[in-house]
């Protein structure tokens, strides 16, 4: 569980960096959060269900996790041999033997311009639709993915929302 706190805190640091860099996105998130609480619950008490209703904030968090994944590489071991898809100009397929250690480079997958146009730009609208399988995996994927992924996403939503209600994030003058 310790690694979950490190990954979440690192993600929040990057998130607030992106808010400072993109004040229009920060303002749009603040507007979404304030709209949720207009006329009620001035104590700003959040439930898990509330975090699921912050659509734009979730898109911003996902884009932040795509651009700045908390874990850039994971290693997997396959149980059975499998054939890799090869380009048409290869004469024979490549078979990965069983029990091979496979490196999954999350960072480069999430920055591949063929999957993510302008991959180094911060564009939350990319997540208006669900991404294709295995193109966005900040918490890994499959049966060995992070068990704390939903907790981390909810925690990021609550912390970002609560801070943006009271504060505006910006860079110091001159930077």
N, C-alpha and C. Protein backbone atom coordinates (compact mmCIF):
# COMPACT_ATOMS: atom_id res chain seq x y z
N UNK A 1 0.82 -1.19 0.00
CA UNK A 1 0.00 0.00 0.00
C UNK A 1 0.87 1.26 0.00
N UNK A 2 2.09 1.15 0.53
CA UNK A 2 2.97 2.30 0.58
C UNK A 2 3.21 2.88 -0.82
N UNK A 3 3.39 1.99 -1.79
CA UNK A 3 3.65 2.46 -3.16
C UNK A 3 2.45 3.23 -3.71
N UNK A 4 1.23 2.90 -3.27
CA UNK A 4 0.04 3.62 -3.71
C UNK A 4 0.11 5.08 -3.27
N UNK A 5 0.53 5.32 -2.03
CA UNK A 5 0.63 6.70 -1.54
C UNK A 5 1.69 7.49 -2.30
N UNK A 6 2.80 6.85 -2.61
CA UNK A 6 3.86 7.52 -3.36
C UNK A 6 3.36 7.87 -4.76
N UNK A 7 2.73 6.90 -5.43
CA UNK A 7 2.22 7.13 -6.78
C UNK A 7 1.14 8.21 -6.78
N UNK A 8 0.24 8.19 -5.80
CA UNK A 8 -0.84 9.18 -5.73
C UNK A 8 -0.27 10.56 -5.45
N UNK A 9 0.67 10.66 -4.52
CA UNK A 9 1.23 11.97 -4.21
C UNK A 9 2.03 12.51 -5.39
N UNK A 10 2.75 11.67 -6.09
CA UNK A 10 3.48 12.09 -7.29
C UNK A 10 2.50 12.58 -8.36
N UNK A 11 1.41 11.85 -8.55
CA UNK A 11 0.40 12.25 -9.53
C UNK A 11 -0.23 13.59 -9.18
N UNK A 12 -0.49 13.80 -7.90
CA UNK A 12 -1.07 15.08 -7.47
C UNK A 12 -0.09 16.23 -7.68
N UNK A 13 1.19 15.99 -7.46
CA UNK A 13 2.18 17.04 -7.72
C UNK A 13 2.15 17.44 -9.20
N UNK A 14 2.14 16.45 -10.10
CA UNK A 14 2.07 16.74 -11.53
C UNK A 14 0.75 17.40 -11.89
N UNK A 15 -0.35 16.97 -11.26
CA UNK A 15 -1.66 17.55 -11.55
C UNK A 15 -1.67 19.04 -11.25
N UNK A 16 -1.13 19.44 -10.10
CA UNK A 16 -1.14 20.85 -9.75
C UNK A 16 -0.13 21.64 -10.58
N UNK A 17 0.91 21.01 -11.05
CA UNK A 17 1.80 21.64 -12.01
C UNK A 17 1.02 21.95 -13.29
N UNK A 18 0.25 20.97 -13.77
CA UNK A 18 -0.54 21.17 -14.98
C UNK A 18 -1.63 22.22 -14.78
N UNK A 19 -2.23 22.28 -13.58
CA UNK A 19 -3.21 23.32 -13.29
C UNK A 19 -2.56 24.70 -13.38
N UNK A 20 -1.36 24.84 -12.83
CA UNK A 20 -0.66 26.13 -12.90
C UNK A 20 -0.31 26.49 -14.34
N UNK A 21 0.06 25.49 -15.12
CA UNK A 21 0.44 25.70 -16.52
C UNK A 21 -0.77 26.00 -17.41
N UNK A 22 -1.93 25.47 -17.03
CA UNK A 22 -3.16 25.62 -17.83
C UNK A 22 -4.29 26.18 -16.96
N UNK A 23 -4.25 27.49 -16.65
CA UNK A 23 -5.27 28.05 -15.75
C UNK A 23 -6.69 27.91 -16.27
N UNK A 24 -6.87 27.83 -17.59
CA UNK A 24 -8.22 27.68 -18.14
C UNK A 24 -8.80 26.31 -17.79
N UNK A 25 -7.95 25.30 -17.72
CA UNK A 25 -8.38 23.96 -17.31
C UNK A 25 -8.70 23.95 -15.82
N UNK A 26 -7.83 24.60 -15.05
CA UNK A 26 -8.07 24.72 -13.61
C UNK A 26 -9.41 25.40 -13.34
N UNK A 27 -9.70 26.48 -14.06
CA UNK A 27 -10.97 27.20 -13.87
C UNK A 27 -12.17 26.33 -14.24
N UNK A 28 -12.03 25.55 -15.30
CA UNK A 28 -13.14 24.68 -15.73
C UNK A 28 -13.40 23.58 -14.69
N UNK A 29 -12.34 23.04 -14.09
CA UNK A 29 -12.51 22.03 -13.04
C UNK A 29 -13.17 22.67 -11.82
N UNK A 30 -12.70 23.86 -11.43
CA UNK A 30 -13.27 24.55 -10.27
C UNK A 30 -14.76 24.80 -10.50
N UNK A 31 -15.12 25.23 -11.71
CA UNK A 31 -16.53 25.47 -12.05
C UNK A 31 -17.35 24.19 -11.91
N UNK A 32 -16.82 23.08 -12.39
CA UNK A 32 -17.53 21.80 -12.28
C UNK A 32 -17.76 21.42 -10.81
N UNK A 33 -16.75 21.60 -9.99
CA UNK A 33 -16.85 21.24 -8.57
C UNK A 33 -17.84 22.16 -7.86
N UNK A 34 -17.73 23.46 -8.11
CA UNK A 34 -18.62 24.41 -7.44
C UNK A 34 -20.07 24.20 -7.87
N UNK A 35 -20.28 23.85 -9.12
CA UNK A 35 -21.63 23.59 -9.62
C UNK A 35 -22.27 22.41 -8.87
N UNK A 36 -21.47 21.41 -8.59
CA UNK A 36 -21.95 20.22 -7.87
C UNK A 36 -22.47 20.60 -6.49
N UNK A 37 -21.83 21.61 -5.88
CA UNK A 37 -22.18 21.96 -4.51
C UNK A 37 -22.96 23.26 -4.39
N UNK A 38 -23.42 23.81 -5.50
CA UNK A 38 -24.17 25.07 -5.42
C UNK A 38 -25.47 24.87 -4.66
N UNK A 39 -25.67 25.72 -3.66
CA UNK A 39 -26.91 25.70 -2.90
C UNK A 39 -27.04 24.60 -1.87
N UNK A 40 -26.03 23.75 -1.73
CA UNK A 40 -26.12 22.67 -0.74
C UNK A 40 -24.72 22.28 -0.28
N UNK A 41 -24.66 21.63 0.83
CA UNK A 41 -23.42 21.04 1.33
C UNK A 41 -22.24 22.00 1.28
N UNK A 42 -22.38 23.15 1.93
CA UNK A 42 -21.31 24.14 1.93
C UNK A 42 -20.08 23.67 2.71
N UNK A 43 -20.20 22.55 3.42
CA UNK A 43 -19.03 21.97 4.10
C UNK A 43 -18.16 21.20 3.10
N UNK A 44 -18.67 21.03 1.88
CA UNK A 44 -17.96 20.33 0.81
C UNK A 44 -17.51 18.94 1.24
N UNK A 45 -18.47 18.19 1.77
CA UNK A 45 -18.19 16.80 2.14
C UNK A 45 -18.38 15.94 0.90
N UNK A 46 -17.37 15.14 0.58
CA UNK A 46 -17.40 14.32 -0.62
C UNK A 46 -17.63 12.85 -0.26
N UNK A 47 -18.35 12.18 -1.13
CA UNK A 47 -18.45 10.73 -1.02
C UNK A 47 -17.78 10.14 -2.26
N UNK A 48 -17.58 8.84 -2.24
CA UNK A 48 -17.01 8.18 -3.40
C UNK A 48 -17.90 8.40 -4.62
N UNK A 49 -19.20 8.34 -4.41
CA UNK A 49 -20.14 8.56 -5.52
C UNK A 49 -20.00 9.95 -6.12
N UNK A 50 -19.72 10.95 -5.28
CA UNK A 50 -19.50 12.31 -5.79
C UNK A 50 -18.33 12.34 -6.77
N UNK A 51 -17.27 11.62 -6.45
CA UNK A 51 -16.08 11.65 -7.31
C UNK A 51 -16.38 11.07 -8.68
N UNK A 52 -17.33 10.17 -8.77
CA UNK A 52 -17.69 9.57 -10.06
C UNK A 52 -18.47 10.55 -10.94
N UNK A 53 -19.00 11.62 -10.33
CA UNK A 53 -19.79 12.60 -11.08
C UNK A 53 -18.95 13.75 -11.64
N UNK A 54 -17.70 13.85 -11.25
CA UNK A 54 -16.82 14.90 -11.76
C UNK A 54 -16.21 14.45 -13.09
N UNK A 55 -16.99 14.53 -14.15
CA UNK A 55 -16.54 14.02 -15.46
C UNK A 55 -15.29 14.73 -15.96
N UNK A 56 -15.32 16.06 -15.95
CA UNK A 56 -14.16 16.79 -16.49
C UNK A 56 -12.94 16.61 -15.61
N UNK A 57 -13.12 16.65 -14.29
CA UNK A 57 -11.99 16.42 -13.39
C UNK A 57 -11.39 15.04 -13.63
N UNK A 58 -12.22 14.05 -13.84
CA UNK A 58 -11.71 12.69 -14.15
C UNK A 58 -10.92 12.69 -15.46
N UNK A 59 -11.40 13.42 -16.46
CA UNK A 59 -10.65 13.52 -17.73
C UNK A 59 -9.30 14.17 -17.50
N UNK A 60 -9.26 15.22 -16.68
CA UNK A 60 -8.01 15.92 -16.38
C UNK A 60 -7.05 14.99 -15.64
N UNK A 61 -7.56 14.25 -14.67
CA UNK A 61 -6.72 13.31 -13.93
C UNK A 61 -6.19 12.22 -14.86
N UNK A 62 -7.04 11.69 -15.72
CA UNK A 62 -6.58 10.66 -16.66
C UNK A 62 -5.52 11.20 -17.61
N UNK A 63 -5.71 12.42 -18.11
CA UNK A 63 -4.70 13.01 -19.00
C UNK A 63 -3.39 13.23 -18.25
N UNK A 64 -3.49 13.62 -16.99
CA UNK A 64 -2.29 13.78 -16.17
C UNK A 64 -1.58 12.44 -15.99
N UNK A 65 -2.34 11.38 -15.75
CA UNK A 65 -1.75 10.04 -15.59
C UNK A 65 -1.17 9.52 -16.90
N UNK A 66 -1.75 9.93 -18.02
CA UNK A 66 -1.20 9.54 -19.32
C UNK A 66 0.12 10.25 -19.56
N UNK A 67 0.14 11.55 -19.33
CA UNK A 67 1.32 12.35 -19.59
C UNK A 67 2.44 12.08 -18.59
N UNK A 68 2.07 11.85 -17.33
CA UNK A 68 3.04 11.63 -16.24
C UNK A 68 2.69 10.34 -15.49
N UNK A 69 2.88 9.18 -16.10
CA UNK A 69 2.50 7.94 -15.41
C UNK A 69 3.33 7.73 -14.14
N UNK A 70 2.68 7.34 -13.05
CA UNK A 70 3.43 7.15 -11.80
C UNK A 70 4.43 6.00 -11.88
N UNK A 71 4.15 5.03 -12.73
CA UNK A 71 5.07 3.91 -12.97
C UNK A 71 5.28 3.85 -14.48
N UNK A 72 6.53 3.93 -14.91
CA UNK A 72 6.76 4.03 -16.35
C UNK A 72 6.98 2.68 -17.03
N UNK A 73 7.39 1.67 -16.28
CA UNK A 73 7.64 0.34 -16.84
C UNK A 73 7.17 -0.71 -15.85
N UNK A 74 6.51 -1.75 -16.35
CA UNK A 74 6.17 -2.91 -15.52
C UNK A 74 6.69 -4.16 -16.21
N UNK A 75 6.87 -5.20 -15.44
CA UNK A 75 7.36 -6.46 -15.98
C UNK A 75 6.30 -7.53 -15.75
N UNK A 76 6.08 -8.32 -16.78
CA UNK A 76 5.09 -9.41 -16.72
C UNK A 76 5.77 -10.69 -17.18
N UNK A 77 5.25 -11.81 -16.69
CA UNK A 77 5.74 -13.12 -17.13
C UNK A 77 4.56 -13.85 -17.76
N UNK A 78 4.76 -14.36 -18.99
CA UNK A 78 3.67 -15.07 -19.65
C UNK A 78 3.70 -16.55 -19.28
N UNK A 79 2.53 -17.16 -19.17
CA UNK A 79 2.42 -18.58 -18.80
C UNK A 79 2.56 -19.50 -20.01
N UNK A 80 2.12 -19.03 -21.16
CA UNK A 80 2.12 -19.86 -22.37
C UNK A 80 2.82 -19.11 -23.49
N UNK A 81 3.38 -19.83 -24.45
CA UNK A 81 4.00 -19.13 -25.59
C UNK A 81 2.92 -18.40 -26.40
N UNK A 82 3.33 -17.31 -27.03
CA UNK A 82 2.40 -16.60 -27.92
C UNK A 82 3.16 -15.98 -29.07
N UNK A 83 2.42 -15.69 -30.13
CA UNK A 83 3.01 -15.11 -31.33
C UNK A 83 2.81 -13.61 -31.34
N UNK A 84 3.90 -12.89 -31.55
CA UNK A 84 3.81 -11.43 -31.68
C UNK A 84 3.37 -11.07 -33.09
N UNK A 85 2.58 -10.06 -33.19
CA UNK A 85 2.20 -9.54 -34.49
C UNK A 85 3.44 -8.90 -35.10
N UNK A 86 3.77 -9.27 -36.32
CA UNK A 86 4.96 -8.73 -36.98
C UNK A 86 4.56 -7.97 -38.23
N UNK A 87 5.39 -7.02 -38.62
CA UNK A 87 5.09 -6.27 -39.85
C UNK A 87 5.05 -7.20 -41.06
N UNK A 88 4.36 -6.82 -42.11
CA UNK A 88 4.20 -7.67 -43.31
C UNK A 88 5.52 -8.07 -43.97
N UNK A 89 6.56 -7.26 -43.83
CA UNK A 89 7.82 -7.57 -44.51
C UNK A 89 8.68 -8.60 -43.78
N UNK A 90 8.25 -9.09 -42.62
CA UNK A 90 8.99 -10.13 -41.90
C UNK A 90 8.64 -11.50 -42.50
N UNK A 91 9.65 -12.33 -42.64
CA UNK A 91 9.43 -13.63 -43.29
C UNK A 91 8.75 -14.65 -42.38
N UNK A 92 9.03 -14.59 -41.08
CA UNK A 92 8.37 -15.55 -40.19
C UNK A 92 7.97 -14.88 -38.89
N UNK A 93 6.97 -15.38 -38.23
CA UNK A 93 6.48 -14.77 -36.98
C UNK A 93 7.48 -14.96 -35.84
N UNK A 94 7.34 -14.11 -34.85
CA UNK A 94 8.19 -14.21 -33.67
C UNK A 94 7.38 -14.84 -32.54
N UNK A 95 7.86 -15.95 -32.02
CA UNK A 95 7.17 -16.65 -30.93
C UNK A 95 7.87 -16.31 -29.61
N UNK A 96 7.10 -15.83 -28.65
CA UNK A 96 7.63 -15.55 -27.31
C UNK A 96 7.45 -16.82 -26.49
N UNK A 97 8.56 -17.42 -26.02
CA UNK A 97 8.44 -18.67 -25.25
C UNK A 97 7.72 -18.46 -23.92
N UNK A 98 7.13 -19.51 -23.40
CA UNK A 98 6.48 -19.47 -22.09
C UNK A 98 7.50 -19.08 -21.03
N UNK A 99 7.01 -18.43 -19.99
CA UNK A 99 7.81 -18.01 -18.83
C UNK A 99 8.88 -16.99 -19.19
N UNK A 100 8.60 -16.20 -20.22
CA UNK A 100 9.51 -15.10 -20.59
C UNK A 100 9.16 -13.87 -19.75
N UNK A 101 10.16 -13.12 -19.38
CA UNK A 101 9.94 -11.86 -18.68
C UNK A 101 9.76 -10.77 -19.73
N UNK A 102 8.61 -10.12 -19.70
CA UNK A 102 8.25 -9.14 -20.72
C UNK A 102 8.20 -7.76 -20.07
N UNK A 103 8.90 -6.82 -20.67
CA UNK A 103 8.90 -5.43 -20.20
C UNK A 103 7.81 -4.67 -20.94
N UNK A 104 6.91 -4.03 -20.20
CA UNK A 104 5.85 -3.22 -20.79
C UNK A 104 6.20 -1.76 -20.51
N UNK A 105 6.55 -1.03 -21.55
CA UNK A 105 6.99 0.36 -21.43
C UNK A 105 5.77 1.29 -21.49
N UNK A 106 5.16 1.48 -20.33
CA UNK A 106 3.94 2.28 -20.23
C UNK A 106 4.17 3.71 -20.71
N UNK A 107 5.29 4.29 -20.31
CA UNK A 107 5.57 5.68 -20.69
C UNK A 107 5.52 5.87 -22.21
N UNK A 108 6.23 5.01 -22.93
CA UNK A 108 6.28 5.19 -24.38
C UNK A 108 4.97 4.81 -25.08
N UNK A 109 4.25 3.86 -24.54
CA UNK A 109 2.92 3.55 -25.10
C UNK A 109 2.01 4.76 -24.96
N UNK A 110 2.05 5.40 -23.80
CA UNK A 110 1.18 6.54 -23.53
C UNK A 110 1.67 7.83 -24.17
N UNK A 111 2.82 7.78 -24.83
CA UNK A 111 3.35 8.94 -25.56
C UNK A 111 3.57 8.63 -27.04
N UNK A 112 2.97 7.55 -27.51
CA UNK A 112 3.11 7.15 -28.91
C UNK A 112 2.23 8.05 -29.78
N UNK A 113 2.84 8.81 -30.72
CA UNK A 113 2.03 9.73 -31.54
C UNK A 113 1.03 9.04 -32.46
N UNK A 114 1.22 7.75 -32.73
CA UNK A 114 0.24 7.02 -33.55
C UNK A 114 -1.03 6.72 -32.76
N UNK A 115 -0.88 6.66 -31.44
CA UNK A 115 -2.03 6.40 -30.56
C UNK A 115 -2.59 7.72 -30.02
N UNK A 116 -1.69 8.60 -29.61
CA UNK A 116 -2.03 9.86 -28.96
C UNK A 116 -1.47 11.02 -29.78
N UNK A 117 -2.23 11.62 -30.70
CA UNK A 117 -1.72 12.77 -31.46
C UNK A 117 -1.26 13.87 -30.50
N UNK A 118 -0.19 14.53 -30.86
CA UNK A 118 0.43 15.54 -29.99
C UNK A 118 0.60 14.99 -28.58
N UNK A 119 1.40 13.94 -28.43
CA UNK A 119 1.46 13.21 -27.17
C UNK A 119 2.01 13.98 -25.98
N UNK A 120 2.72 15.08 -26.21
CA UNK A 120 3.28 15.83 -25.09
C UNK A 120 2.45 17.05 -24.72
N UNK A 121 1.31 17.19 -25.37
CA UNK A 121 0.37 18.27 -25.05
C UNK A 121 -0.64 17.78 -24.02
N UNK A 122 -1.04 18.66 -23.11
CA UNK A 122 -2.02 18.33 -22.08
C UNK A 122 -3.41 18.61 -22.62
N UNK A 123 -4.13 17.54 -22.99
CA UNK A 123 -5.45 17.67 -23.61
C UNK A 123 -6.44 16.71 -22.95
N UNK A 124 -7.11 17.16 -21.89
CA UNK A 124 -8.06 16.30 -21.18
C UNK A 124 -9.19 15.76 -22.05
N UNK A 125 -9.55 16.48 -23.11
CA UNK A 125 -10.65 16.03 -23.96
C UNK A 125 -10.36 14.70 -24.63
N UNK A 126 -9.11 14.25 -24.62
CA UNK A 126 -8.79 12.91 -25.15
C UNK A 126 -9.63 11.83 -24.46
N UNK A 127 -10.02 12.12 -23.21
CA UNK A 127 -10.70 11.11 -22.41
C UNK A 127 -12.22 11.31 -22.37
N UNK A 128 -12.74 12.06 -23.34
CA UNK A 128 -14.20 12.13 -23.46
C UNK A 128 -14.75 10.76 -23.85
N UNK A 129 -13.96 10.00 -24.57
CA UNK A 129 -14.27 8.62 -24.92
C UNK A 129 -13.23 7.71 -24.25
N UNK A 130 -13.60 6.48 -23.97
CA UNK A 130 -12.65 5.53 -23.37
C UNK A 130 -11.54 5.22 -24.37
N UNK A 131 -10.30 5.17 -23.91
CA UNK A 131 -9.20 4.84 -24.83
C UNK A 131 -9.25 3.37 -25.24
N UNK A 132 -8.57 3.07 -26.34
CA UNK A 132 -8.48 1.69 -26.79
C UNK A 132 -7.75 0.85 -25.74
N UNK A 133 -8.07 -0.45 -25.66
CA UNK A 133 -7.40 -1.31 -24.66
C UNK A 133 -5.87 -1.28 -24.80
N UNK A 134 -5.23 -1.29 -23.68
CA UNK A 134 -3.75 -1.34 -23.57
C UNK A 134 -3.05 -0.11 -24.15
N UNK A 135 -3.75 1.01 -24.30
CA UNK A 135 -3.10 2.24 -24.72
C UNK A 135 -2.99 3.23 -23.56
N UNK A 136 -3.76 3.00 -22.50
CA UNK A 136 -3.73 3.83 -21.30
C UNK A 136 -3.76 2.89 -20.11
N UNK A 137 -2.64 2.80 -19.40
CA UNK A 137 -2.57 1.85 -18.29
C UNK A 137 -1.65 2.37 -17.17
N UNK A 138 -2.03 3.49 -16.57
CA UNK A 138 -1.18 4.05 -15.51
C UNK A 138 -1.07 3.15 -14.28
N UNK A 139 -2.02 2.23 -14.13
CA UNK A 139 -1.99 1.30 -13.00
C UNK A 139 -1.74 -0.13 -13.48
N UNK A 140 -1.10 -0.25 -14.63
CA UNK A 140 -0.89 -1.54 -15.31
C UNK A 140 -2.24 -2.02 -15.83
N UNK A 141 -2.32 -3.30 -16.18
CA UNK A 141 -3.57 -3.82 -16.72
C UNK A 141 -3.63 -5.32 -16.51
N UNK A 142 -4.77 -5.88 -16.66
CA UNK A 142 -4.93 -7.33 -16.50
C UNK A 142 -5.14 -7.74 -15.06
N UNK A 143 -4.98 -9.04 -14.82
CA UNK A 143 -5.27 -9.55 -13.47
C UNK A 143 -4.21 -9.19 -12.45
N UNK A 144 -3.14 -8.56 -12.86
CA UNK A 144 -2.10 -8.11 -11.92
C UNK A 144 -2.01 -6.59 -11.85
N UNK A 145 -3.08 -5.91 -12.22
CA UNK A 145 -3.07 -4.44 -12.16
C UNK A 145 -3.16 -3.99 -10.70
N UNK A 146 -2.91 -2.74 -10.47
CA UNK A 146 -2.87 -2.18 -9.11
C UNK A 146 -4.23 -2.31 -8.43
N UNK A 147 -4.23 -2.92 -7.26
CA UNK A 147 -5.50 -3.09 -6.53
C UNK A 147 -6.00 -1.76 -5.94
N UNK A 148 -5.13 -0.77 -5.87
CA UNK A 148 -5.52 0.52 -5.30
C UNK A 148 -5.88 1.57 -6.33
N UNK A 149 -6.06 1.18 -7.59
CA UNK A 149 -6.31 2.15 -8.66
C UNK A 149 -7.55 3.00 -8.37
N UNK A 150 -8.67 2.39 -8.02
CA UNK A 150 -9.89 3.16 -7.76
C UNK A 150 -9.74 4.06 -6.54
N UNK A 151 -9.03 3.57 -5.53
CA UNK A 151 -8.78 4.38 -4.35
C UNK A 151 -7.95 5.61 -4.73
N UNK A 152 -6.91 5.40 -5.52
CA UNK A 152 -6.05 6.50 -5.95
C UNK A 152 -6.83 7.53 -6.76
N UNK A 153 -7.66 7.09 -7.69
CA UNK A 153 -8.45 8.01 -8.51
C UNK A 153 -9.42 8.82 -7.64
N UNK A 154 -10.08 8.16 -6.71
CA UNK A 154 -11.01 8.85 -5.81
C UNK A 154 -10.25 9.85 -4.93
N UNK A 155 -9.11 9.44 -4.41
CA UNK A 155 -8.31 10.32 -3.56
C UNK A 155 -7.83 11.56 -4.35
N UNK A 156 -7.39 11.35 -5.58
CA UNK A 156 -6.96 12.48 -6.41
C UNK A 156 -8.12 13.43 -6.68
N UNK A 157 -9.30 12.88 -6.95
CA UNK A 157 -10.49 13.72 -7.18
C UNK A 157 -10.82 14.56 -5.95
N UNK A 158 -10.86 13.92 -4.80
CA UNK A 158 -11.24 14.62 -3.58
C UNK A 158 -10.22 15.69 -3.22
N UNK A 159 -8.94 15.36 -3.26
CA UNK A 159 -7.91 16.34 -2.90
C UNK A 159 -7.91 17.50 -3.88
N UNK A 160 -7.95 17.21 -5.18
CA UNK A 160 -7.96 18.29 -6.18
C UNK A 160 -9.19 19.17 -5.99
N UNK A 161 -10.36 18.57 -5.84
CA UNK A 161 -11.60 19.34 -5.70
C UNK A 161 -11.56 20.21 -4.46
N UNK A 162 -11.16 19.64 -3.33
CA UNK A 162 -11.15 20.40 -2.08
C UNK A 162 -10.16 21.56 -2.13
N UNK A 163 -9.01 21.34 -2.74
CA UNK A 163 -8.03 22.43 -2.83
C UNK A 163 -8.47 23.50 -3.82
N UNK A 164 -9.06 23.10 -4.94
CA UNK A 164 -9.47 24.09 -5.93
C UNK A 164 -10.68 24.91 -5.49
N UNK A 165 -11.44 24.41 -4.53
CA UNK A 165 -12.54 25.21 -3.97
C UNK A 165 -11.99 26.45 -3.27
N UNK A 166 -10.85 26.29 -2.60
CA UNK A 166 -10.31 27.38 -1.78
C UNK A 166 -9.13 28.11 -2.39
N UNK A 167 -8.41 27.45 -3.32
CA UNK A 167 -7.16 28.04 -3.80
C UNK A 167 -7.09 28.04 -5.32
N UNK A 168 -6.33 29.00 -5.85
CA UNK A 168 -6.00 29.05 -7.27
C UNK A 168 -4.51 28.79 -7.35
N UNK A 169 -4.11 27.84 -8.18
CA UNK A 169 -2.71 27.45 -8.32
C UNK A 169 -2.09 28.24 -9.45
N UNK A 170 -0.90 28.80 -9.20
CA UNK A 170 -0.19 29.53 -10.26
C UNK A 170 1.31 29.45 -9.99
N UNK A 171 2.07 29.76 -11.02
CA UNK A 171 3.52 29.83 -10.86
C UNK A 171 3.89 31.17 -10.25
N UNK A 172 5.00 31.23 -9.52
CA UNK A 172 5.45 32.54 -9.02
C UNK A 172 5.74 33.48 -10.19
N UNK A 173 5.61 34.75 -9.97
CA UNK A 173 5.90 35.75 -10.99
C UNK A 173 7.32 35.58 -11.51
N UNK A 174 7.47 35.64 -12.81
CA UNK A 174 8.80 35.56 -13.40
C UNK A 174 9.20 34.17 -13.86
N UNK A 175 8.33 33.19 -13.64
CA UNK A 175 8.67 31.83 -14.08
C UNK A 175 7.85 31.48 -15.29
